[in-house]
N, C-alpha and C. Protein backbone atom coordinates (compact mmCIF):
# COMPACT_ATOMS: atom_id res chain seq x y z
N ALA A 1 174.67 22.84 78.26
CA ALA A 1 173.25 23.40 77.96
C ALA A 1 172.59 21.40 77.82
N ILE A 2 171.27 21.59 78.03
CA ILE A 2 170.74 20.86 78.66
C ILE A 2 169.95 20.10 77.79
N ASP A 3 169.73 18.82 77.59
CA ASP A 3 169.47 18.09 76.13
C ASP A 3 167.39 17.26 76.10
N PRO A 4 167.34 18.67 76.10
CA PRO A 4 165.47 18.58 76.17
C PRO A 4 165.10 17.12 75.43
N PHE A 5 165.30 16.38 75.13
CA PHE A 5 165.01 15.20 74.83
C PHE A 5 165.40 13.54 76.19
N GLU A 6 166.47 14.03 76.43
CA GLU A 6 166.18 13.74 77.86
C GLU A 6 165.93 13.62 78.49
N SER A 7 165.04 12.05 78.93
CA SER A 7 164.55 12.00 80.04
C SER A 7 164.99 11.13 81.32
N ASP A 8 166.42 11.98 81.57
CA ASP A 8 166.65 10.76 82.78
C ASP A 8 165.92 11.60 83.78
N VAL A 9 165.80 11.75 85.45
CA VAL A 9 166.24 12.34 86.41
C VAL A 9 166.51 12.69 86.57
N ILE A 10 165.56 14.39 86.79
CA ILE A 10 165.61 15.62 87.71
C ILE A 10 166.60 15.94 88.57
N THR A 11 165.78 14.86 89.91
CA THR A 11 165.66 15.29 90.65
C THR A 11 164.96 13.68 91.58
N VAL A 12 165.52 13.51 92.68
CA VAL A 12 164.58 12.57 92.97
C VAL A 12 165.37 12.68 94.87
N ASP A 13 164.57 12.54 95.44
CA ASP A 13 164.63 12.49 97.37
C ASP A 13 165.94 10.96 97.68
N PRO A 14 166.44 11.32 98.01
CA PRO A 14 168.13 10.48 98.70
C PRO A 14 167.73 9.97 99.72
N ALA A 15 166.07 10.32 100.51
CA ALA A 15 166.16 8.74 101.79
C ALA A 15 165.49 7.88 100.84
N GLU A 16 164.86 8.06 99.34
CA GLU A 16 163.80 7.48 98.81
C GLU A 16 164.39 6.57 97.73
N GLY A 17 165.56 7.40 96.92
CA GLY A 17 165.78 7.40 96.11
C GLY A 17 165.60 6.07 95.53
N ASP A 18 166.47 5.60 96.02
CA ASP A 18 166.88 3.93 94.78
C ASP A 18 165.14 2.68 94.72
N HIS A 19 164.41 3.16 95.54
CA HIS A 19 162.96 2.76 95.53
C HIS A 19 162.29 3.23 95.08
N ALA A 20 162.16 4.34 94.68
CA ALA A 20 160.67 4.92 93.54
C ALA A 20 161.39 5.62 92.20
N ASP A 21 160.70 5.40 92.00
CA ASP A 21 160.98 5.68 89.51
C ASP A 21 159.56 6.47 88.99
N ILE A 22 159.68 6.97 87.85
CA ILE A 22 158.91 7.09 87.66
C ILE A 22 159.51 6.81 86.04
N ALA A 23 158.25 5.72 84.88
CA ALA A 23 158.63 5.38 83.59
C ALA A 23 158.05 6.55 82.59
N LEU A 24 158.19 7.42 81.95
CA LEU A 24 157.05 8.01 81.19
C LEU A 24 157.83 7.79 79.75
N TYR A 25 156.74 7.13 79.05
CA TYR A 25 156.92 6.64 77.81
C TYR A 25 155.64 7.06 77.24
N PRO A 26 155.40 6.90 75.54
CA PRO A 26 156.28 6.92 74.61
C PRO A 26 157.14 8.94 75.02
N ASN A 27 158.50 9.31 74.94
CA ASN A 27 159.39 10.46 75.01
C ASN A 27 160.04 10.61 73.53
N PRO A 28 159.68 10.91 72.93
CA PRO A 28 158.29 11.97 72.89
C PRO A 28 157.52 11.61 72.63
N ALA A 29 156.34 12.32 73.41
CA ALA A 29 154.64 11.91 72.92
C ALA A 29 153.54 12.77 72.16
N ARG A 30 152.63 12.73 71.77
CA ARG A 30 151.96 14.44 70.97
C ARG A 30 150.59 14.07 72.26
N ASP A 31 149.35 12.89 71.78
CA ASP A 31 148.56 13.56 72.48
C ASP A 31 147.99 12.81 73.79
N GLN A 32 148.79 12.21 74.57
CA GLN A 32 148.89 11.48 75.98
C GLN A 32 150.38 10.74 75.98
N PHE A 33 150.63 9.96 76.23
CA PHE A 33 151.70 9.82 77.36
C PHE A 33 150.99 9.03 78.77
N ASN A 34 152.79 7.64 79.43
CA ASN A 34 152.11 6.76 79.61
C ASN A 34 152.92 7.36 80.66
N MET A 35 152.61 7.43 82.61
CA MET A 35 152.99 6.82 83.46
C MET A 35 152.97 5.98 83.99
N GLU A 36 154.50 5.11 84.50
CA GLU A 36 154.93 4.54 85.18
C GLU A 36 155.20 4.33 86.67
N LEU A 37 154.43 3.90 87.79
CA LEU A 37 154.91 4.33 89.59
C LEU A 37 155.46 2.85 89.68
N THR A 38 156.39 3.29 90.32
CA THR A 38 156.81 2.29 90.93
C THR A 38 157.68 3.19 92.37
N GLY A 39 157.72 1.86 93.02
CA GLY A 39 157.71 2.32 94.35
C GLY A 39 157.42 3.40 94.80
N PHE A 40 155.60 4.28 94.74
CA PHE A 40 155.31 4.60 95.71
C PHE A 40 153.26 4.01 95.95
N GLU A 41 153.14 4.66 97.22
CA GLU A 41 152.34 4.21 97.66
C GLU A 41 151.85 5.15 98.74
N GLY A 42 149.91 4.60 98.86
CA GLY A 42 149.15 5.45 99.70
C GLY A 42 149.30 7.41 98.48
N GLN A 43 148.47 7.85 98.97
CA GLN A 43 148.03 9.03 98.67
C GLN A 43 149.64 10.42 97.82
N THR A 44 149.38 9.90 96.18
CA THR A 44 150.45 10.17 95.64
C THR A 44 150.39 11.26 94.76
N THR A 45 151.26 13.00 95.01
CA THR A 45 150.94 13.67 93.92
C THR A 45 151.72 14.43 92.68
N ILE A 46 150.75 14.08 91.56
CA ILE A 46 151.22 13.99 90.41
C ILE A 46 151.65 15.76 89.65
N VAL A 47 152.30 16.26 89.37
CA VAL A 47 152.02 18.20 89.18
C VAL A 47 152.71 17.76 87.65
N ILE A 48 152.43 18.28 86.53
CA ILE A 48 152.88 18.76 85.41
C ILE A 48 152.97 19.98 84.96
N ALA A 49 154.21 20.90 84.98
CA ALA A 49 154.57 22.33 84.24
C ALA A 49 155.43 22.15 83.19
N ASN A 50 155.17 23.70 82.58
CA ASN A 50 155.79 23.73 81.26
C ASN A 50 157.20 23.90 81.38
N ALA A 51 157.93 24.99 80.68
CA ALA A 51 159.60 24.71 80.41
C ALA A 51 159.47 26.27 82.22
N ASP A 52 157.87 27.37 81.95
CA ASP A 52 157.69 28.23 82.97
C ASP A 52 157.75 28.47 84.26
N GLY A 53 157.19 27.16 85.09
CA GLY A 53 157.11 26.46 86.27
C GLY A 53 155.55 26.17 86.07
N ARG A 54 154.45 27.11 84.52
CA ARG A 54 152.97 26.61 84.67
C ARG A 54 151.84 25.17 84.87
N VAL A 55 151.42 25.12 85.98
CA VAL A 55 150.99 24.12 86.43
C VAL A 55 150.04 23.83 85.40
N MET A 56 149.67 22.61 84.30
CA MET A 56 149.53 22.54 83.39
C MET A 56 148.23 21.46 83.77
N GLN A 57 149.46 20.55 85.03
CA GLN A 57 147.60 19.76 85.76
C GLN A 57 148.60 19.36 86.71
N ASN A 58 147.52 19.28 88.06
CA ASN A 58 148.10 18.65 88.76
C ASN A 58 147.27 17.60 89.32
N TYR A 59 147.49 16.26 90.09
CA TYR A 59 146.23 14.96 90.15
C TYR A 59 146.87 14.97 91.79
N THR A 60 145.71 14.18 92.77
CA THR A 60 145.94 13.70 93.98
C THR A 60 145.42 12.39 94.27
N LEU A 61 146.38 11.18 94.53
CA LEU A 61 145.91 10.26 93.64
C LEU A 61 146.09 8.84 94.10
N ASP A 62 145.28 8.10 95.54
CA ASP A 62 145.46 6.77 95.94
C ASP A 62 146.33 5.12 95.07
N VAL A 63 147.98 5.76 95.13
CA VAL A 63 147.97 4.56 94.47
C VAL A 63 148.10 3.58 94.36
N ASP A 64 148.03 2.57 95.75
CA ASP A 64 147.00 2.20 96.54
C ASP A 64 146.29 1.26 95.60
N ALA A 65 144.63 1.74 94.91
CA ALA A 65 143.40 2.15 94.95
C ALA A 65 143.82 1.80 93.26
N LEU A 66 144.90 1.50 92.30
CA LEU A 66 145.48 1.58 90.92
C LEU A 66 145.13 0.34 90.77
N SER A 67 144.33 0.01 89.72
CA SER A 67 144.53 -1.78 88.89
C SER A 67 146.11 -2.18 88.74
N ASN A 68 146.43 -1.14 88.30
CA ASN A 68 147.85 -1.44 87.53
C ASN A 68 148.91 0.00 88.01
N ASN A 69 149.76 0.24 88.06
CA ASN A 69 150.35 1.61 88.41
C ASN A 69 151.18 2.20 87.56
N VAL A 70 150.00 2.55 86.00
CA VAL A 70 150.35 3.09 84.79
C VAL A 70 149.53 4.14 84.90
N ILE A 71 149.71 4.71 84.61
CA ILE A 71 148.44 7.08 84.16
C ILE A 71 148.98 6.84 83.37
N SER A 72 147.22 7.30 81.88
CA SER A 72 147.32 7.93 81.02
C SER A 72 147.35 8.87 81.18
N ILE A 73 148.16 10.04 80.50
CA ILE A 73 148.43 11.87 80.53
C ILE A 73 147.27 11.71 79.04
N ASN A 74 146.33 12.78 79.37
CA ASN A 74 145.91 13.35 78.08
C ASN A 74 146.55 15.17 78.33
N THR A 75 147.51 15.13 76.46
CA THR A 75 148.11 16.44 76.83
C THR A 75 148.34 16.93 74.90
N ALA A 76 146.25 16.32 74.95
CA ALA A 76 146.16 17.25 73.46
C ALA A 76 146.21 18.33 73.64
N ASP A 77 145.56 19.60 74.93
CA ASP A 77 145.78 20.79 74.76
C ASP A 77 147.11 21.31 75.02
N PHE A 78 147.60 20.82 75.64
CA PHE A 78 149.90 21.36 75.23
C PHE A 78 150.45 22.01 74.61
N ALA A 79 150.96 22.49 74.11
CA ALA A 79 152.02 23.37 72.91
C ALA A 79 152.60 22.73 73.08
N GLN A 80 153.67 22.47 71.84
CA GLN A 80 154.55 22.02 71.63
C GLN A 80 156.12 22.35 72.98
N GLY A 81 155.82 21.24 73.83
CA GLY A 81 157.44 21.61 74.11
C GLY A 81 158.87 20.70 75.26
N VAL A 82 159.02 21.29 76.09
CA VAL A 82 159.40 20.07 77.50
C VAL A 82 159.01 20.66 78.63
N TYR A 83 157.75 19.85 79.20
CA TYR A 83 157.31 19.56 80.93
C TYR A 83 158.15 18.90 82.03
N ASN A 84 158.06 19.35 82.90
CA ASN A 84 158.30 18.43 83.67
C ASN A 84 157.52 17.79 84.72
N VAL A 85 157.81 16.39 84.78
CA VAL A 85 156.64 15.94 85.44
C VAL A 85 157.24 15.42 86.87
N THR A 86 156.25 16.01 88.20
CA THR A 86 157.05 15.77 89.54
C THR A 86 155.12 14.31 89.88
N VAL A 87 156.35 13.49 90.56
CA VAL A 87 155.26 12.97 91.34
C VAL A 87 156.29 12.27 92.64
N ARG A 88 155.26 12.75 93.38
CA ARG A 88 155.88 12.77 95.20
C ARG A 88 154.53 12.51 96.69
N ASN A 89 154.80 11.50 97.22
CA ASN A 89 154.63 11.33 97.85
C ASN A 89 154.95 11.50 99.56
N ASN A 90 155.23 11.31 100.59
CA ASN A 90 155.48 11.54 102.14
C ASN A 90 157.00 11.44 101.99
N SER A 91 157.30 10.37 101.37
CA SER A 91 158.46 9.49 101.40
C SER A 91 159.49 9.40 99.88
N ALA A 92 158.70 9.94 98.77
CA ALA A 92 159.44 10.67 98.36
C ALA A 92 159.68 11.55 97.00
N THR A 93 160.55 12.09 95.44
CA THR A 93 159.92 12.73 95.14
C THR A 93 161.10 12.79 93.46
N VAL A 94 159.62 12.46 92.78
CA VAL A 94 161.03 12.39 91.66
C VAL A 94 160.47 12.79 89.94
N THR A 95 161.50 14.00 89.67
CA THR A 95 160.94 14.29 88.17
C THR A 95 161.45 14.27 87.23
N LYS A 96 161.54 13.27 86.37
CA LYS A 96 161.29 13.23 84.96
C LYS A 96 160.87 14.50 83.90
N ARG A 97 161.31 14.69 82.95
CA ARG A 97 161.26 15.65 81.67
C ARG A 97 160.31 14.64 80.76
N ILE A 98 159.12 15.44 79.88
CA ILE A 98 158.79 14.88 78.71
C ILE A 98 158.54 15.49 77.62
N VAL A 99 158.01 15.24 76.74
CA VAL A 99 158.78 16.69 75.55
C VAL A 99 157.39 16.06 75.09
N ILE A 100 156.48 17.23 74.49
CA ILE A 100 155.82 17.11 73.88
C ILE A 100 155.61 17.92 72.09
N ILE A 101 155.15 17.19 71.02
CA ILE A 101 155.99 17.43 69.90
C ILE A 101 153.87 17.14 68.92
N ARG A 102 154.22 18.10 68.18
CA ARG A 102 153.03 18.35 66.93
C ARG A 102 153.42 18.25 65.84
């Protein structure tokens, strides 16, 4: 069984897997969490989906334009549960889990 509180990497593109990563904290979270991007450059897509695969939030941003590599994600409208956070660009894809508690 998968432990919903486990935040280890679910998938990593092997081509860039040792360079790209994301950190999600706090985990579990309530109304927001922070996402720290490492090894991502340029146009990057962030998709947050619930356990059923429904996309809750979808962003495309230029990581190079960020003042730092930390993004705050508002989850106030999310139901309690486990969500997959996928970050991808043209050279890497990383997916991790975040748990929202109420």
